[in-house]
Protein backbone atom coordinates (compact mmCIF):
# COMPACT_ATOMS: atom_id res chain seq x y z
CA MET A 1 -16.16 10.02 36.92
CA THR A 2 -15.19 8.84 33.45
CA ARG A 3 -17.65 9.56 30.64
CA PRO A 4 -18.60 6.89 28.06
CA PHE A 5 -16.00 6.56 25.30
CA GLU A 6 -13.46 8.64 27.19
CA ARG A 7 -9.86 7.42 26.90
CA ILE A 8 -8.52 6.06 30.20
CA SER A 9 -5.04 5.15 28.98
CA SER A 10 -3.10 4.64 25.76
CA ARG A 11 0.09 2.86 24.86
CA VAL A 12 1.99 2.22 21.65
CA LEU A 13 2.59 -1.50 21.03
CA VAL A 14 4.58 -1.21 17.79
CA ASP A 15 6.06 1.92 16.20
CA ASN A 16 7.43 1.93 12.66
CA PRO A 17 7.98 4.59 9.96
CA TRP A 18 4.44 4.20 8.58
CA HIS A 19 2.10 3.34 11.47
CA ARG A 20 1.80 3.01 15.19
CA TYR A 21 -0.14 0.06 16.57
CA CYS A 22 -1.86 1.17 19.77
CA HIS A 23 -3.87 -0.21 22.68
CA ASP A 24 -6.27 2.10 24.46
CA ARG A 25 -8.33 1.50 27.56
CA TYR A 26 -11.58 3.44 27.39
CA ALA A 27 -14.87 3.76 29.22
CA ARG A 28 -17.71 1.79 27.65
CA ARG A 29 -21.35 2.94 27.80
CA ASP A 30 -21.91 1.29 31.18
CA GLY A 31 -18.72 2.84 32.61
CA SER A 32 -16.73 -0.39 32.64
CA PRO A 33 -13.29 -0.35 30.99
CA GLY A 34 -12.89 -1.65 27.45
CA ASP A 35 -9.92 -2.40 25.21
CA TYR A 36 -9.45 -0.87 21.76
CA TYR A 37 -6.59 -1.84 19.45
CA TYR A 38 -6.04 0.34 16.42
CA VAL A 39 -3.61 1.67 13.82
CA ASP A 40 -2.58 5.27 14.45
CA MET A 41 -1.84 6.95 11.11
CA ALA A 42 -1.09 10.54 10.13
CA GLY A 43 -3.43 10.24 7.13
CA SER A 44 -3.23 9.92 3.36
CA SER A 45 -3.93 11.80 0.16
CA VAL A 46 -5.47 10.51 -3.07
CA VAL A 47 -5.30 12.41 -6.36
CA VAL A 48 -7.72 12.30 -9.30
CA PRO A 49 -5.57 13.49 -12.25
CA LEU A 50 -7.89 14.95 -14.91
CA LEU A 51 -6.45 15.95 -18.28
CA ASP A 52 -7.78 18.95 -20.22
CA ASN A 53 -9.43 16.61 -22.78
CA GLY A 54 -11.48 14.88 -20.03
CA GLU A 55 -9.33 11.76 -19.82
CA VAL A 56 -7.87 10.66 -16.50
CA VAL A 57 -4.59 9.17 -15.39
CA ILE A 58 -4.97 5.89 -13.52
CA LEU A 59 -2.35 3.51 -12.20
CA GLU A 60 -2.02 -0.26 -12.37
CA VAL A 61 -0.30 -0.99 -9.06
CA GLU A 62 1.24 -4.26 -7.91
CA ARG A 63 0.12 -4.72 -4.28
CA TYR A 64 2.48 -6.98 -2.36
CA LEU A 65 0.20 -7.60 0.60
CA LEU A 66 -2.75 -8.60 -1.61
CA GLY A 67 -0.68 -10.54 -4.16
CA THR A 68 -2.35 -8.83 -7.10
CA LYS A 69 -2.58 -5.65 -9.16
CA LEU A 70 -5.20 -2.99 -8.50
CA TRP A 71 -6.40 -0.01 -10.54
CA GLU A 72 -5.86 3.12 -8.47
CA PHE A 73 -5.43 6.85 -8.50
CA PRO A 74 -2.10 8.14 -7.08
CA ILE A 75 -2.16 7.74 -3.29
CA GLY A 76 0.37 8.54 -0.59
CA GLY A 77 0.65 8.36 3.16
CA LEU A 78 1.24 11.39 5.35
CA GLU A 79 3.81 11.64 8.09
CA PRO A 80 2.96 13.64 11.24
CA GLY A 81 2.92 17.35 10.38
CA ASP A 82 2.66 16.84 6.60
CA ASP A 83 0.33 19.03 4.58
CA PRO A 84 -2.11 16.77 2.65
CA LEU A 85 -1.83 18.89 -0.53
CA ASP A 86 1.98 18.71 -0.45
CA VAL A 87 1.77 14.92 -0.20
CA ALA A 88 -0.78 14.79 -3.04
CA GLN A 89 1.51 16.86 -5.29
CA LYS A 90 4.54 14.69 -4.43
CA GLU A 91 2.71 11.39 -4.99
CA LEU A 92 1.21 12.52 -8.31
CA ALA A 93 4.69 13.37 -9.62
CA GLU A 94 6.42 10.28 -8.23
CA GLU A 95 3.82 7.67 -9.15
CA SER A 96 2.49 9.00 -12.47
CA GLY A 97 5.15 11.43 -13.66
CA TYR A 98 2.52 14.16 -14.00
CA ARG A 99 2.51 17.55 -12.30
CA ALA A 100 -0.53 19.81 -11.99
CA ASN A 101 -0.94 23.57 -12.08
CA ARG A 102 -4.47 23.53 -10.64
CA TRP A 103 -5.64 21.77 -7.48
CA ASP A 104 -9.08 21.43 -5.87
CA ALA A 105 -9.76 19.80 -2.50
CA LEU A 106 -12.72 17.44 -3.02
CA GLY A 107 -13.26 16.08 0.49
CA VAL A 108 -12.00 14.00 3.40
CA PHE A 109 -13.15 10.56 4.55
CA ALA A 110 -12.24 7.85 7.09
CA PRO A 111 -11.12 4.75 5.13
CA TYR A 112 -10.78 2.29 8.05
CA LYS A 113 -13.04 3.77 10.73
CA GLY A 114 -13.06 0.71 13.00
CA VAL A 115 -9.37 -0.08 12.60
CA SER A 116 -7.58 3.25 12.20
CA ASN A 117 -7.90 6.95 12.96
CA GLU A 118 -6.70 7.79 9.42
CA HIS A 119 -8.25 10.64 7.43
CA CYS A 120 -7.89 10.40 3.63
CA HIS A 121 -7.82 13.72 1.73
CA VAL A 122 -9.10 13.70 -1.88
CA PHE A 123 -7.79 16.17 -4.45
CA LEU A 124 -8.53 16.91 -8.10
CA ALA A 125 -5.40 17.72 -10.14
CA ARG A 126 -5.86 19.62 -13.43
CA GLU A 127 -3.76 21.43 -16.02
CA LEU A 128 -1.43 18.44 -16.05
CA ILE A 129 2.11 18.37 -17.44
CA ARG A 130 3.68 14.99 -18.29
CA GLY A 131 7.04 14.10 -16.80
CA GLU A 132 8.90 11.00 -15.65
CA GLN A 133 7.96 8.67 -12.83
CA ALA A 134 10.27 8.54 -9.79
CA LEU A 135 9.23 5.25 -8.19
CA GLU A 136 10.57 3.86 -4.95
CA LEU A 137 12.19 0.40 -5.16
CA SER A 138 9.16 -1.03 -3.36
CA GLU A 139 6.77 0.21 -6.09
CA SER A 140 5.69 -1.35 -9.39
CA ILE A 141 3.30 1.03 -11.14
CA ASP A 142 2.17 1.30 -14.76
CA VAL A 143 0.56 4.57 -15.89
CA HIS A 144 -2.53 4.58 -18.12
CA VAL A 145 -4.47 7.47 -19.66
CA VAL A 146 -8.10 6.49 -20.25
CA SER A 147 -11.53 8.05 -20.59
CA LEU A 148 -13.40 8.86 -17.41
CA ASP A 149 -15.88 6.05 -18.18
CA GLU A 150 -13.05 3.57 -18.68
CA ALA A 151 -11.37 4.67 -15.45
CA ARG A 152 -14.66 4.19 -13.64
CA ARG A 153 -15.09 0.73 -15.19
CA ARG A 154 -11.56 -0.34 -14.24
CA ILE A 155 -11.53 1.09 -10.73
CA LEU A 156 -15.09 0.12 -9.79
CA GLY A 157 -15.09 -3.14 -11.75
CA ASN A 158 -11.37 -3.66 -11.23
CA THR A 159 -10.45 -5.28 -14.52
CA VAL A 160 -6.72 -5.80 -14.86
CA GLY A 161 -4.69 -6.08 -18.06
CA ASP A 162 -6.78 -7.30 -20.97
CA GLY A 163 -10.00 -5.46 -20.08
CA THR A 164 -11.84 -8.48 -18.71
CA VAL A 165 -12.54 -9.24 -15.08
CA GLY A 166 -9.39 -11.13 -14.38
CA ARG A 167 -6.94 -11.82 -11.66
CA SER A 168 -8.74 -9.89 -8.98
CA LEU A 169 -12.16 -8.64 -8.06
CA LEU A 170 -10.66 -6.39 -5.42
CA GLY A 171 -11.23 -2.69 -5.71
CA ASP A 172 -9.10 -0.01 -4.06
CA GLY A 173 -11.32 1.67 -1.49
CA GLN A 174 -9.57 5.03 -1.58
CA SER A 175 -9.87 5.26 -5.37
CA ILE A 176 -13.52 4.16 -5.26
CA ALA A 177 -14.29 6.84 -2.66
CA ALA A 178 -12.40 9.41 -4.76
CA PHE A 179 -14.85 8.73 -7.61
CA ALA A 180 -17.76 9.64 -5.34
CA TYR A 181 -16.11 12.97 -4.51
CA LEU A 182 -15.24 13.56 -8.19
CA ASP A 183 -18.85 12.87 -9.24
CA ARG A 184 -20.14 15.37 -6.66
CA PHE A 185 -17.63 17.97 -7.92
CA LEU A 186 -18.51 17.41 -11.61
CA ALA A 187 -22.26 17.60 -10.85
CA ARG A 188 -21.94 21.18 -9.58
């Protein structure tokens, strides 16, 4: 007898270097079979880069799919078997040019719980050393160093460019969630 929410079968519909699009058959509460389509992802890491003077590094990222720029912290996707901290360190260096000598794990959350099985790992990077960005050809990222309050205003209010609410009211969910973990850490 199949228990409620037990997987009956699973198949991959589309497989690419970043995601797998899957279709599962599962047992619903009444025992009848149900269909669930989802994105299978290895996870992601987001980094809050905090300078010794209390300022933070944030990124102004051109997002192709959304057709706009978003304020974000450095974020990178994991591949199966990747260590989340290794990915965080790599993405911080590539996207911002900074490297960190001190790392704290702040928490883990599910960014797309109804659509994906992804887990996003949040890290605080401190004792930062400035270097050069190493962007991929698919990335357009400008680096900004701002106060913590200004970073909060930009990421939560998502002002782009001139400091006024502009081209987009979209906020990056992973960066917004990272602020919640940062606030909990700083409150200790």
